[in-house]
Amino acid sequence: MKLAEENGCESIAFCCISTGVFGFPQHEAAQIAVSTVREYKKTTGSGIKVIFNVFKDDDRMIYCDLFAKK
């Protein structure tokens, strides 16, 4: 995110990295992604828009649940 902002990007998208054929647990991956983005934005005051790109309904539900917990 820092690199994206340094290069003038106003938004960035992340996919569910390694949760498909590589088998990393979906819920753990989402928790790491969301907490990392929240912490970055909190500590830097960043206004970058972050999009989490999901391919499966169960991934979407995981992210929706995490965002509901703010």
C-alpha atoms as a PDB file:
ATOM      1  CA  MET A   1       0.000   0.000   0.000  1.00  0.00           C
ATOM      2  CA  LYS A   2       2.857   2.334   0.802  1.00  0.00           C
ATOM      3  CA  LEU A   3       4.443   1.681  -2.572  1.00  0.00           C
ATOM      4  CA  ALA A   4       1.105   2.180  -4.326  1.00  0.00           C
ATOM      5  CA  GLU A   5       0.619   5.537  -2.605  1.00  0.00           C
ATOM      6  CA  GLU A   6       4.195   6.602  -3.329  1.00  0.00           C
ATOM      7  CA  ASN A   7       3.409   6.018  -7.007  1.00  0.00           C
ATOM      8  CA  GLY A   8       0.220   8.078  -6.949  1.00  0.00           C
ATOM      9  CA  CYS A   9      -2.296   5.242  -6.784  1.00  0.00           C
ATOM     10  CA  GLU A  10      -5.573   6.131  -5.109  1.00  0.00           C
ATOM     11  CA  SER A  11      -6.736   2.529  -4.865  1.00  0.00           C
ATOM     12  CA  ILE A  12      -5.351  -0.990  -4.782  1.00  0.00           C
ATOM     13  CA  ALA A  13      -6.927  -4.440  -5.068  1.00  0.00           C
ATOM     14  CA  PHE A  14      -5.907  -7.660  -3.352  1.00  0.00           C
ATOM     15  CA  CYS A  15      -7.081 -11.146  -4.229  1.00  0.00           C
ATOM     16  CA  CYS A  16      -7.404 -14.117  -1.877  1.00  0.00           C
ATOM     17  CA  ILE A  17      -3.721 -14.937  -2.192  1.00  0.00           C
ATOM     18  CA  SER A  18      -2.766 -18.619  -1.809  1.00  0.00           C
ATOM     19  CA  THR A  19      -6.230 -19.739  -0.669  1.00  0.00           C
ATOM     20  CA  GLY A  20      -6.993 -21.763  -3.791  1.00  0.00           C
ATOM     21  CA  VAL A  21      -4.783 -24.601  -4.975  1.00  0.00           C
ATOM     22  CA  PHE A  22      -2.072 -23.641  -2.479  1.00  0.00           C
ATOM     23  CA  GLY A  23      -4.456 -24.361   0.387  1.00  0.00           C
ATOM     24  CA  PHE A  24      -3.827 -21.504   2.800  1.00  0.00           C
ATOM     25  CA  PRO A  25      -6.864 -21.301   5.128  1.00  0.00           C
ATOM     26  CA  GLN A  26      -9.388 -18.801   3.752  1.00  0.00           C
ATOM     27  CA  HIS A  27     -10.467 -17.320   7.071  1.00  0.00           C
ATOM     28  CA  GLU A  28      -6.906 -16.843   8.309  1.00  0.00           C
ATOM     29  CA  ALA A  29      -5.884 -15.221   5.020  1.00  0.00           C
ATOM     30  CA  ALA A  30      -8.815 -12.801   5.197  1.00  0.00           C
ATOM     31  CA  GLN A  31      -8.062 -11.931   8.823  1.00  0.00           C
ATOM     32  CA  ILE A  32      -4.437 -11.179   7.968  1.00  0.00           C
ATOM     33  CA  ALA A  33      -5.410  -9.072   4.963  1.00  0.00           C
ATOM     34  CA  VAL A  34      -8.084  -7.045   6.738  1.00  0.00           C
ATOM     35  CA  SER A  35      -6.064  -6.457   9.907  1.00  0.00           C
ATOM     36  CA  THR A  36      -2.989  -5.458   7.901  1.00  0.00           C
ATOM     37  CA  VAL A  37      -4.956  -2.933   5.852  1.00  0.00           C
ATOM     38  CA  ARG A  38      -6.711  -1.536   8.919  1.00  0.00           C
ATOM     39  CA  GLU A  39      -3.427  -1.154  10.791  1.00  0.00           C
ATOM     40  CA  TYR A  40      -1.701   0.524   7.836  1.00  0.00           C
ATOM     41  CA  LYS A  41      -4.541   2.978   7.361  1.00  0.00           C
ATOM     42  CA  LYS A  42      -4.720   3.686  11.094  1.00  0.00           C
ATOM     43  CA  THR A  43      -1.008   4.309  11.569  1.00  0.00           C
ATOM     44  CA  THR A  44      -0.460   6.285   8.362  1.00  0.00           C
ATOM     45  CA  GLY A  45      -3.769   8.121   8.050  1.00  0.00           C
ATOM     46  CA  SER A  46      -3.904   6.773   4.519  1.00  0.00           C
ATOM     47  CA  GLY A  47      -6.980   7.392   2.426  1.00  0.00           C
ATOM     48  CA  ILE A  48      -6.143   4.727  -0.155  1.00  0.00           C
ATOM     49  CA  LYS A  49      -9.153   2.710  -1.268  1.00  0.00           C
ATOM     50  CA  VAL A  50      -8.587  -1.019  -0.801  1.00  0.00           C
ATOM     51  CA  ILE A  51     -10.594  -3.600  -2.728  1.00  0.00           C
ATOM     52  CA  PHE A  52     -10.619  -7.245  -1.704  1.00  0.00           C
ATOM     53  CA  ASN A  53     -11.260  -9.288  -4.830  1.00  0.00           C
ATOM     54  CA  VAL A  54     -12.931 -12.627  -4.091  1.00  0.00           C
ATOM     55  CA  PHE A  55     -13.984 -15.411  -6.423  1.00  0.00           C
ATOM     56  CA  LYS A  56     -16.155 -17.591  -4.209  1.00  0.00           C
ATOM     57  CA  ASP A  57     -19.237 -16.835  -2.155  1.00  0.00           C
ATOM     58  CA  ASP A  58     -17.688 -18.314   0.976  1.00  0.00           C
ATOM     59  CA  ASP A  59     -14.733 -15.903   0.665  1.00  0.00           C
ATOM     60  CA  ARG A  60     -17.161 -13.006   0.258  1.00  0.00           C
ATOM     61  CA  MET A  61     -18.998 -14.057   3.401  1.00  0.00           C
ATOM     62  CA  ILE A  62     -15.760 -14.275   5.374  1.00  0.00           C
ATOM     63  CA  TYR A  63     -14.839 -10.720   4.396  1.00  0.00           C
ATOM     64  CA  CYS A  64     -18.379  -9.465   5.093  1.00  0.00           C
ATOM     65  CA  ASP A  65     -18.237 -11.002   8.571  1.00  0.00           C
ATOM     66  CA  LEU A  66     -14.852  -9.426   9.276  1.00  0.00           C
ATOM     67  CA  PHE A  67     -16.010  -5.991   8.149  1.00  0.00           C
ATOM     68  CA  ALA A  68     -19.151  -6.276  10.284  1.00  0.00           C
ATOM     69  CA  LYS A  69     -16.904  -6.684  13.354  1.00  0.00           C
ATOM     70  CA  LYS A  70     -15.013  -3.411  12.873  1.00  0.00           C
END
